[in-house]
Amino acid sequence: MQQLRALFDRPPLTGWDVVDILIVSLLIYEGLKLIRGTRAMQMATGGVLVLLLFYISQWFPLQTVSWLIRNVLAYVVIAAIVLFQTDIRRALSHIGRAPFFRYFARSERVQETIEEVLTATGLLAKSKTGAIIVFERVIGLRNYVESGIPLDAAVSYDLLTTIFQPDTPLHDGAVIISEDRIAAAACFLPLTVNPKLDRDLGTRHRAGIGLTEECDAVAVIVSEERGEISLSVRGRLERRLTTDDLRARLQDLVLLRRADGEEAMAASEADV
């Protein structure tokens, strides 16, 4: 009874207490999500039962049970590290991918994405394999992503070159890169209706221009007939780019994108 009385005889709840409870609740929730469906979930359930039994032994005269659990708990931490080492690594990796930490590593990841796209673009241009790769910026491209085949894969030049091979099911359409990952392939893009375009521009070029007329995305196009590299932004097409030219443009348009988006679009248009 004294323990129950002490449990309810607490000082008034403050704002910091609420914050403390919310943080602990969030940590428990995220931990349960990580171990859900794994062997660790069963072991965590067993651990909760052991702790519950320990508190029961404190409330009732179960001296032997209490002594046994106290002696066993001394080795629980070491045993948990050994048994849950895989899940602990996964949890720490999950925390490192949180939005707060991803913000600081964004520049490095964007640069790696650009280099992978440059390598793929160079190989596709050399083999005269048609391709269109779209970078999502501030305005989302969910409608166009849903029109294709979802991938959610890491950006790599070998995957990009494989997608656009003529004998693959995904080659006919655009690849959309969102948040430094390939969101989808074989995506359908709107065609431009601008009558002033050169007649030698094919469907890929018109699709890239049509998309960038509607949003702030950046489209990289490889011509199947000429092996020519082009870039479309804000409805304008830059043709006959070298790999170095494309690197400089993508760094300006994608890597240096501002968080609010408007300043980034103004800066990119000034360079076009």
C-alpha atoms as a PDB file:
ATOM      1  CA  MET A   1       0.000   0.000   0.000  1.00  0.00           C
ATOM      2  CA  GLN A   2       2.843   2.369   0.697  1.00  0.00           C
ATOM      3  CA  GLN A   3       4.209   1.838  -2.792  1.00  0.00           C
ATOM      4  CA  LEU A   4       0.806   2.539  -4.315  1.00  0.00           C
ATOM      5  CA  ARG A   5       0.423   5.631  -2.144  1.00  0.00           C
ATOM      6  CA  ALA A   6       3.876   6.858  -3.228  1.00  0.00           C
ATOM      7  CA  LEU A   7       2.958   6.201  -6.866  1.00  0.00           C
ATOM      8  CA  PHE A   8      -0.038   8.543  -6.746  1.00  0.00           C
ATOM      9  CA  ASP A   9       1.446  11.057  -4.323  1.00  0.00           C
ATOM     10  CA  ARG A  10       3.335  13.010  -6.985  1.00  0.00           C
ATOM     11  CA  PRO A  11       4.006  16.746  -7.456  1.00  0.00           C
ATOM     12  CA  PRO A  12       1.923  18.618 -10.070  1.00  0.00           C
ATOM     13  CA  LEU A  13       2.609  17.795 -13.730  1.00  0.00           C
ATOM     14  CA  THR A  14       4.691  20.464 -15.525  1.00  0.00           C
ATOM     15  CA  GLY A  15       5.314  21.190 -19.180  1.00  0.00           C
ATOM     16  CA  TRP A  16       8.750  19.574 -19.019  1.00  0.00           C
ATOM     17  CA  ASP A  17       7.149  16.419 -17.650  1.00  0.00           C
ATOM     18  CA  VAL A  18       4.854  16.309 -20.683  1.00  0.00           C
ATOM     19  CA  VAL A  19       7.827  16.767 -23.024  1.00  0.00           C
ATOM     20  CA  ASP A  20       9.690  14.036 -21.168  1.00  0.00           C
ATOM     21  CA  ILE A  21       6.757  11.641 -21.504  1.00  0.00           C
ATOM     22  CA  LEU A  22       6.314  12.428 -25.198  1.00  0.00           C
ATOM     23  CA  ILE A  23       9.998  11.794 -25.955  1.00  0.00           C
ATOM     24  CA  VAL A  24      10.015   8.476 -24.126  1.00  0.00           C
ATOM     25  CA  SER A  25       6.745   7.467 -25.805  1.00  0.00           C
ATOM     26  CA  LEU A  26       8.194   8.306 -29.223  1.00  0.00           C
ATOM     27  CA  LEU A  27      11.345   6.298 -28.512  1.00  0.00           C
ATOM     28  CA  ILE A  28       9.294   3.297 -27.406  1.00  0.00           C
ATOM     29  CA  TYR A  29       7.058   3.592 -30.483  1.00  0.00           C
ATOM     30  CA  GLU A  30      10.002   3.810 -32.901  1.00  0.00           C
ATOM     31  CA  GLY A  31      11.691   0.893 -31.133  1.00  0.00           C
ATOM     32  CA  LEU A  32       8.585  -1.263 -31.468  1.00  0.00           C
ATOM     33  CA  LYS A  33       8.355  -0.397 -35.170  1.00  0.00           C
ATOM     34  CA  LEU A  34      11.952  -1.466 -35.720  1.00  0.00           C
ATOM     35  CA  ILE A  35      11.594  -4.858 -34.029  1.00  0.00           C
ATOM     36  CA  ARG A  36       8.094  -5.612 -35.283  1.00  0.00           C
ATOM     37  CA  GLY A  37       8.020  -8.902 -37.144  1.00  0.00           C
ATOM     38  CA  THR A  38      11.526  -9.905 -36.034  1.00  0.00           C
ATOM     39  CA  ARG A  39      12.912 -12.320 -33.471  1.00  0.00           C
ATOM     40  CA  ALA A  40      13.712  -9.378 -31.245  1.00  0.00           C
ATOM     41  CA  MET A  41       9.992  -8.752 -30.767  1.00  0.00           C
ATOM     42  CA  GLN A  42       9.523 -12.128 -29.087  1.00  0.00           C
ATOM     43  CA  MET A  43      12.570 -11.586 -26.874  1.00  0.00           C
ATOM     44  CA  ALA A  44      11.406  -8.082 -25.948  1.00  0.00           C
ATOM     45  CA  THR A  45       8.029  -9.523 -24.946  1.00  0.00           C
ATOM     46  CA  GLY A  46       9.826 -12.022 -22.716  1.00  0.00           C
ATOM     47  CA  GLY A  47      11.853  -9.228 -21.156  1.00  0.00           C
ATOM     48  CA  VAL A  48       8.706  -7.260 -20.372  1.00  0.00           C
ATOM     49  CA  LEU A  49       7.218 -10.331 -18.666  1.00  0.00           C
ATOM     50  CA  VAL A  50      10.377 -10.765 -16.568  1.00  0.00           C
ATOM     51  CA  LEU A  51      10.234  -7.116 -15.448  1.00  0.00           C
ATOM     52  CA  LEU A  52       6.564  -7.473 -14.642  1.00  0.00           C
ATOM     53  CA  LEU A  53       7.332 -10.546 -12.564  1.00  0.00           C
ATOM     54  CA  PHE A  54      10.066  -8.616 -10.757  1.00  0.00           C
ATOM     55  CA  TYR A  55       7.659  -5.853  -9.694  1.00  0.00           C
ATOM     56  CA  ILE A  56       5.083  -8.437  -8.627  1.00  0.00           C
ATOM     57  CA  SER A  57       7.725 -10.067  -6.448  1.00  0.00           C
ATOM     58  CA  GLN A  58       8.314  -6.671  -4.786  1.00  0.00           C
ATOM     59  CA  TRP A  59       4.657  -6.192  -3.970  1.00  0.00           C
ATOM     60  CA  PHE A  60       4.151  -9.717  -2.632  1.00  0.00           C
ATOM     61  CA  PRO A  61       6.452 -11.826  -0.383  1.00  0.00           C
ATOM     62  CA  LEU A  62       8.124 -13.743  -3.226  1.00  0.00           C
ATOM     63  CA  GLN A  63      11.661 -13.594  -1.898  1.00  0.00           C
ATOM     64  CA  THR A  64      13.106 -16.389  -4.023  1.00  0.00           C
ATOM     65  CA  VAL A  65      11.704 -14.991  -7.283  1.00  0.00           C
ATOM     66  CA  SER A  66      12.945 -11.522  -6.406  1.00  0.00           C
ATOM     67  CA  TRP A  67      16.465 -12.814  -5.565  1.00  0.00           C
ATOM     68  CA  LEU A  68      16.621 -14.827  -8.786  1.00  0.00           C
ATOM     69  CA  ILE A  69      15.553 -11.968 -11.015  1.00  0.00           C
ATOM     70  CA  ARG A  70      17.929  -9.470  -9.339  1.00  0.00           C
ATOM     71  CA  ASN A  71      20.878 -11.761  -9.961  1.00  0.00           C
ATOM     72  CA  VAL A  72      19.847 -12.462 -13.539  1.00  0.00           C
ATOM     73  CA  LEU A  73      19.303  -8.767 -14.376  1.00  0.00           C
ATOM     74  CA  ALA A  74      22.983  -8.083 -13.702  1.00  0.00           C
ATOM     75  CA  TYR A  75      23.833  -9.915 -16.943  1.00  0.00           C
ATOM     76  CA  VAL A  76      20.849  -8.742 -18.992  1.00  0.00           C
ATOM     77  CA  VAL A  77      22.644  -5.737 -20.529  1.00  0.00           C
ATOM     78  CA  ILE A  78      25.552  -7.838 -21.820  1.00  0.00           C
ATOM     79  CA  ALA A  79      23.195 -10.537 -23.064  1.00  0.00           C
ATOM     80  CA  ALA A  80      21.007  -7.957 -24.823  1.00  0.00           C
ATOM     81  CA  ILE A  81      23.992  -6.466 -26.666  1.00  0.00           C
ATOM     82  CA  VAL A  82      25.064  -9.901 -27.879  1.00  0.00           C
ATOM     83  CA  LEU A  83      21.581 -11.084 -28.839  1.00  0.00           C
ATOM     84  CA  PHE A  84      20.335  -7.822 -30.340  1.00  0.00           C
ATOM     85  CA  GLN A  85      23.504  -6.642 -32.084  1.00  0.00           C
ATOM     86  CA  THR A  86      21.902  -6.824 -35.549  1.00  0.00           C
ATOM     87  CA  ASP A  87      18.799  -4.960 -34.419  1.00  0.00           C
ATOM     88  CA  ILE A  88      20.893  -2.356 -32.609  1.00  0.00           C
ATOM     89  CA  ARG A  89      22.870  -1.667 -35.791  1.00  0.00           C
ATOM     90  CA  ARG A  90      19.629  -1.390 -37.742  1.00  0.00           C
ATOM     91  CA  ALA A  91      18.151   0.990 -35.166  1.00  0.00           C
ATOM     92  CA  LEU A  92      21.207   3.271 -35.211  1.00  0.00           C
ATOM     93  CA  SER A  93      21.185   3.246 -39.008  1.00  0.00           C
ATOM     94  CA  HIS A  94      17.488   4.168 -38.953  1.00  0.00           C
ATOM     95  CA  ILE A  95      18.200   7.091 -36.617  1.00  0.00           C
ATOM     96  CA  GLY A  96      20.995   8.258 -38.908  1.00  0.00           C
ATOM     97  CA  ARG A  97      18.537   8.383 -41.813  1.00  0.00           C
ATOM     98  CA  ALA A  98      16.157  10.676 -39.934  1.00  0.00           C
ATOM     99  CA  PRO A  99      15.330  13.970 -41.716  1.00  0.00           C
ATOM    100  CA  PHE A 100      17.278  16.031 -39.173  1.00  0.00           C
ATOM    101  CA  PHE A 101      20.523  14.182 -39.917  1.00  0.00           C
ATOM    102  CA  ARG A 102      19.836  13.778 -43.631  1.00  0.00           C
ATOM    103  CA  TYR A 103      19.867  17.553 -43.952  1.00  0.00           C
ATOM    104  CA  PHE A 104      23.573  17.739 -43.114  1.00  0.00           C
ATOM    105  CA  ALA A 105      24.506  14.894 -45.499  1.00  0.00           C
ATOM    106  CA  ARG A 106      22.336  16.100 -48.373  1.00  0.00           C
ATOM    107  CA  SER A 107      25.066  17.912 -50.334  1.00  0.00           C
ATOM    108  CA  GLU A 108      27.298  14.842 -50.428  1.00  0.00           C
ATOM    109  CA  ARG A 109      24.434  12.570 -51.494  1.00  0.00           C
ATOM    110  CA  VAL A 110      23.265  14.963 -54.196  1.00  0.00           C
ATOM    111  CA  GLN A 111      26.791  15.189 -55.577  1.00  0.00           C
ATOM    112  CA  GLU A 112      27.036  11.393 -55.683  1.00  0.00           C
ATOM    113  CA  THR A 113      23.664  11.221 -57.455  1.00  0.00           C
ATOM    114  CA  ILE A 114      24.799  13.756 -60.045  1.00  0.00           C
ATOM    115  CA  GLU A 115      28.014  11.827 -60.719  1.00  0.00           C
ATOM    116  CA  GLU A 116      26.087   8.562 -61.185  1.00  0.00           C
ATOM    117  CA  VAL A 117      23.738  10.285 -63.630  1.00  0.00           C
ATOM    118  CA  LEU A 118      26.693  11.824 -65.493  1.00  0.00           C
ATOM    119  CA  THR A 119      28.363   8.428 -65.866  1.00  0.00           C
ATOM    120  CA  ALA A 120      25.135   6.843 -67.098  1.00  0.00           C
ATOM    121  CA  THR A 121      24.460   9.731 -69.475  1.00  0.00           C
ATOM    122  CA  GLY A 122      27.926   9.463 -70.985  1.00  0.00           C
ATOM    123  CA  LEU A 123      27.580   5.710 -71.560  1.00  0.00           C
ATOM    124  CA  LEU A 124      24.100   6.083 -73.043  1.00  0.00           C
ATOM    125  CA  ALA A 125      25.213   8.886 -75.338  1.00  0.00           C
ATOM    126  CA  LYS A 126      28.219   6.862 -76.512  1.00  0.00           C
ATOM    127  CA  SER A 127      25.989   3.915 -77.422  1.00  0.00           C
ATOM    128  CA  LYS A 128      23.256   6.199 -78.820  1.00  0.00           C
ATOM    129  CA  THR A 129      20.672   4.837 -76.406  1.00  0.00           C
ATOM    130  CA  GLY A 130      17.728   7.167 -75.866  1.00  0.00           C
ATOM    131  CA  ALA A 131      16.989   8.209 -72.281  1.00  0.00           C
ATOM    132  CA  ILE A 132      15.265  10.850 -70.210  1.00  0.00           C
ATOM    133  CA  ILE A 133      16.158  11.345 -66.528  1.00  0.00           C
ATOM    134  CA  VAL A 134      14.149  13.815 -64.446  1.00  0.00           C
ATOM    135  CA  PHE A 135      15.293  15.473 -61.217  1.00  0.00           C
ATOM    136  CA  GLU A 136      12.510  16.468 -58.857  1.00  0.00           C
ATOM    137  CA  ARG A 137      13.150  19.773 -57.104  1.00  0.00           C
ATOM    138  CA  VAL A 138      10.653  21.774 -55.035  1.00  0.00           C
ATOM    139  CA  ILE A 139       7.405  20.907 -56.834  1.00  0.00           C
ATOM    140  CA  GLY A 140       6.519  17.253 -56.322  1.00  0.00           C
ATOM    141  CA  LEU A 141       6.136  14.858 -59.247  1.00  0.00           C
ATOM    142  CA  ARG A 142       3.909  12.287 -57.561  1.00  0.00           C
ATOM    143  CA  ASN A 143       1.370  12.217 -60.414  1.00  0.00           C
ATOM    144  CA  TYR A 144       4.082  11.328 -62.908  1.00  0.00           C
ATOM    145  CA  VAL A 145       5.732   8.840 -60.533  1.00  0.00           C
ATOM    146  CA  GLU A 146       2.414   7.000 -60.195  1.00  0.00           C
ATOM    147  CA  SER A 147       2.154   6.729 -63.988  1.00  0.00           C
ATOM    148  CA  GLY A 148       5.304   4.570 -64.113  1.00  0.00           C
ATOM    149  CA  ILE A 149       6.733   1.521 -62.372  1.00  0.00           C
ATOM    150  CA  PRO A 150       7.778   2.311 -58.765  1.00  0.00           C
ATOM    151  CA  LEU A 151      11.355   1.341 -57.896  1.00  0.00           C
ATOM    152  CA  ASP A 152      12.546   3.333 -54.853  1.00  0.00           C
ATOM    153  CA  ALA A 153      16.125   2.306 -55.611  1.00  0.00           C
ATOM    154  CA  ALA A 154      19.504   3.898 -55.041  1.00  0.00           C
ATOM    155  CA  VAL A 155      20.792   5.916 -57.982  1.00  0.00           C
ATOM    156  CA  SER A 156      23.571   4.062 -59.805  1.00  0.00           C
ATOM    157  CA  TYR A 157      24.841   4.325 -63.343  1.00  0.00           C
ATOM    158  CA  ASP A 158      24.569   0.589 -63.995  1.00  0.00           C
ATOM    159  CA  LEU A 159      20.889   0.576 -62.997  1.00  0.00           C
ATOM    160  CA  LEU A 160      20.160   3.623 -65.153  1.00  0.00           C
ATOM    161  CA  THR A 161      21.906   2.194 -68.195  1.00  0.00           C
ATOM    162  CA  THR A 162      20.105  -1.116 -67.721  1.00  0.00           C
ATOM    163  CA  ILE A 163      16.699   0.567 -67.504  1.00  0.00           C
ATOM    164  CA  PHE A 164      17.139   2.338 -70.837  1.00  0.00           C
ATOM    165  CA  GLN A 165      18.360  -0.677 -72.807  1.00  0.00           C
ATOM    166  CA  PRO A 166      15.946  -1.162 -75.762  1.00  0.00           C
ATOM    167  CA  ASP A 167      15.235  -4.802 -74.875  1.00  0.00           C
ATOM    168  CA  THR A 168      14.056  -4.026 -71.310  1.00  0.00           C
ATOM    169  CA  PRO A 169      10.396  -3.420 -70.362  1.00  0.00           C
ATOM    170  CA  LEU A 170      11.208  -0.107 -68.614  1.00  0.00           C
ATOM    171  CA  HIS A 171      13.132   1.665 -71.378  1.00  0.00           C
ATOM    172  CA  ASP A 172      10.111   3.426 -72.895  1.00  0.00           C
ATOM    173  CA  GLY A 173       9.508   6.355 -70.579  1.00  0.00           C
ATOM    174  CA  ALA A 174      11.279   8.591 -68.095  1.00  0.00           C
ATOM    175  CA  VAL A 175      13.167   7.867 -64.890  1.00  0.00           C
ATOM    176  CA  ILE A 176      12.261  10.223 -62.042  1.00  0.00           C
ATOM    177  CA  ILE A 177      14.786  10.885 -59.282  1.00  0.00           C
ATOM    178  CA  SER A 178      13.259  12.108 -56.017  1.00  0.00           C
ATOM    179  CA  GLU A 179      15.124  12.623 -52.733  1.00  0.00           C
ATOM    180  CA  ASP A 180      18.306  11.176 -54.287  1.00  0.00           C
ATOM    181  CA  ARG A 181      16.579   7.879 -55.158  1.00  0.00           C
ATOM    182  CA  ILE A 182      15.073   6.483 -58.339  1.00  0.00           C
ATOM    183  CA  ALA A 183      11.390   6.834 -57.515  1.00  0.00           C
ATOM    184  CA  ALA A 184      10.039   5.221 -60.685  1.00  0.00           C
ATOM    185  CA  ALA A 185      10.834   4.281 -64.277  1.00  0.00           C
ATOM    186  CA  ALA A 186       8.774   4.127 -67.487  1.00  0.00           C
ATOM    187  CA  CYS A 187       6.936   7.292 -66.431  1.00  0.00           C
ATOM    188  CA  PHE A 188       4.712   9.157 -68.895  1.00  0.00           C
ATOM    189  CA  LEU A 189       5.396  12.888 -69.263  1.00  0.00           C
ATOM    190  CA  PRO A 190       3.285  15.578 -70.947  1.00  0.00           C
ATOM    191  CA  LEU A 191       4.405  16.636 -74.424  1.00  0.00           C
ATOM    192  CA  THR A 192       4.960  20.295 -75.191  1.00  0.00           C
ATOM    193  CA  VAL A 193       2.733  22.016 -77.756  1.00  0.00           C
ATOM    194  CA  ASN A 194       5.222  24.782 -78.486  1.00  0.00           C
ATOM    195  CA  PRO A 195       5.153  25.265 -82.299  1.00  0.00           C
ATOM    196  CA  LYS A 196       8.532  27.031 -82.355  1.00  0.00           C
ATOM    197  CA  LEU A 197      10.591  23.949 -81.544  1.00  0.00           C
ATOM    198  CA  ASP A 198      12.936  22.421 -84.098  1.00  0.00           C
ATOM    199  CA  ARG A 199      11.351  19.687 -86.172  1.00  0.00           C
ATOM    200  CA  ASP A 200      14.236  17.332 -85.501  1.00  0.00           C
ATOM    201  CA  LEU A 201      13.332  17.073 -81.811  1.00  0.00           C
ATOM    202  CA  GLY A 202      11.808  13.720 -80.955  1.00  0.00           C
ATOM    203  CA  THR A 203       9.279  12.590 -78.365  1.00  0.00           C
ATOM    204  CA  ARG A 204      11.822  12.466 -75.518  1.00  0.00           C
ATOM    205  CA  HIS A 205      12.859  16.071 -76.015  1.00  0.00           C
ATOM    206  CA  ARG A 206       9.248  17.246 -76.292  1.00  0.00           C
ATOM    207  CA  ALA A 207       8.355  15.292 -73.135  1.00  0.00           C
ATOM    208  CA  GLY A 208      11.242  16.834 -71.211  1.00  0.00           C
ATOM    209  CA  ILE A 209      10.286  20.323 -72.345  1.00  0.00           C
ATOM    210  CA  GLY A 210       6.597  19.673 -71.633  1.00  0.00           C
ATOM    211  CA  LEU A 211       7.313  18.593 -68.064  1.00  0.00           C
ATOM    212  CA  THR A 212       9.600  21.521 -67.280  1.00  0.00           C
ATOM    213  CA  GLU A 213       7.007  23.921 -68.669  1.00  0.00           C
ATOM    214  CA  GLU A 214       4.621  22.800 -65.925  1.00  0.00           C
ATOM    215  CA  CYS A 215       6.968  22.572 -62.928  1.00  0.00           C
ATOM    216  CA  ASP A 216      10.502  23.330 -61.737  1.00  0.00           C
ATOM    217  CA  ALA A 217      11.907  19.864 -62.511  1.00  0.00           C
ATOM    218  CA  VAL A 218      15.114  19.377 -64.494  1.00  0.00           C
ATOM    219  CA  ALA A 219      15.165  16.848 -67.347  1.00  0.00           C
ATOM    220  CA  VAL A 220      18.307  15.302 -68.853  1.00  0.00           C
ATOM    221  CA  ILE A 221      17.706  13.883 -72.328  1.00  0.00           C
ATOM    222  CA  VAL A 222      19.907  11.636 -74.459  1.00  0.00           C
ATOM    223  CA  SER A 223      19.095  11.519 -78.165  1.00  0.00           C
ATOM    224  CA  GLU A 224      18.770   8.062 -79.679  1.00  0.00           C
ATOM    225  CA  GLU A 225      19.587   9.243 -83.207  1.00  0.00           C
ATOM    226  CA  ARG A 226      22.545  11.542 -82.546  1.00  0.00           C
ATOM    227  CA  GLY A 227      23.782  10.498 -79.095  1.00  0.00           C
ATOM    228  CA  GLU A 228      23.387  14.136 -78.105  1.00  0.00           C
ATOM    229  CA  ILE A 229      23.008  15.217 -74.475  1.00  0.00           C
ATOM    230  CA  SER A 230      20.438  17.922 -73.729  1.00  0.00           C
ATOM    231  CA  LEU A 231      19.003  19.515 -70.619  1.00  0.00           C
ATOM    232  CA  SER A 232      15.571  21.057 -70.213  1.00  0.00           C
ATOM    233  CA  VAL A 233      14.646  23.514 -67.452  1.00  0.00           C
ATOM    234  CA  ARG A 234      11.715  25.933 -67.256  1.00  0.00           C
ATOM    235  CA  GLY A 235      10.589  24.913 -70.732  1.00  0.00           C
ATOM    236  CA  ARG A 236      13.937  25.743 -72.341  1.00  0.00           C
ATOM    237  CA  LEU A 237      16.228  23.225 -73.987  1.00  0.00           C
ATOM    238  CA  GLU A 238      20.016  23.335 -73.846  1.00  0.00           C
ATOM    239  CA  ARG A 239      21.499  21.095 -76.524  1.00  0.00           C
ATOM    240  CA  ARG A 240      24.834  19.518 -77.373  1.00  0.00           C
ATOM    241  CA  LEU A 241      26.167  19.531 -73.843  1.00  0.00           C
ATOM    242  CA  THR A 242      29.381  17.837 -72.826  1.00  0.00           C
ATOM    243  CA  THR A 243      29.654  15.886 -69.597  1.00  0.00           C
ATOM    244  CA  ASP A 244      31.431  18.818 -67.951  1.00  0.00           C
ATOM    245  CA  ASP A 245      28.729  21.220 -69.137  1.00  0.00           C
ATOM    246  CA  LEU A 246      26.031  18.948 -67.738  1.00  0.00           C
ATOM    247  CA  ARG A 247      27.861  18.619 -64.421  1.00  0.00           C
ATOM    248  CA  ALA A 248      28.047  22.393 -64.015  1.00  0.00           C
ATOM    249  CA  ARG A 249      24.360  22.863 -64.878  1.00  0.00           C
ATOM    250  CA  LEU A 250      23.165  20.101 -62.551  1.00  0.00           C
ATOM    251  CA  GLN A 251      25.271  21.462 -59.710  1.00  0.00           C
ATOM    252  CA  ASP A 252      23.652  24.868 -60.197  1.00  0.00           C
ATOM    253  CA  LEU A 253      20.114  23.554 -60.617  1.00  0.00           C
ATOM    254  CA  VAL A 254      20.013  20.599 -58.215  1.00  0.00           C
ATOM    255  CA  LEU A 255      22.915  20.774 -55.754  1.00  0.00           C
ATOM    256  CA  LEU A 256      22.507  24.473 -54.945  1.00  0.00           C
ATOM    257  CA  ARG A 257      18.719  24.324 -54.621  1.00  0.00           C
ATOM    258  CA  ARG A 258      17.395  26.516 -51.842  1.00  0.00           C
ATOM    259  CA  ALA A 259      15.013  25.142 -49.264  1.00  0.00           C
ATOM    260  CA  ASP A 260      12.225  27.554 -50.250  1.00  0.00           C
ATOM    261  CA  GLY A 261      12.641  26.817 -53.948  1.00  0.00           C
ATOM    262  CA  GLU A 262      11.885  30.297 -55.271  1.00  0.00           C
ATOM    263  CA  GLU A 263      15.436  31.612 -54.934  1.00  0.00           C
ATOM    264  CA  ALA A 264      16.789  28.459 -56.563  1.00  0.00           C
ATOM    265  CA  MET A 265      14.554  28.869 -59.590  1.00  0.00           C
ATOM    266  CA  ALA A 266      15.519  32.539 -59.933  1.00  0.00           C
ATOM    267  CA  ALA A 267      19.232  31.681 -59.780  1.00  0.00           C
ATOM    268  CA  SER A 268      18.915  28.843 -62.292  1.00  0.00           C
ATOM    269  CA  GLU A 269      16.977  30.984 -64.753  1.00  0.00           C
ATOM    270  CA  ALA A 270      19.667  33.657 -64.581  1.00  0.00           C
ATOM    271  CA  ASP A 271      22.203  31.094 -65.845  1.00  0.00           C
ATOM    272  CA  VAL A 272      20.034  29.802 -68.717  1.00  0.00           C
END
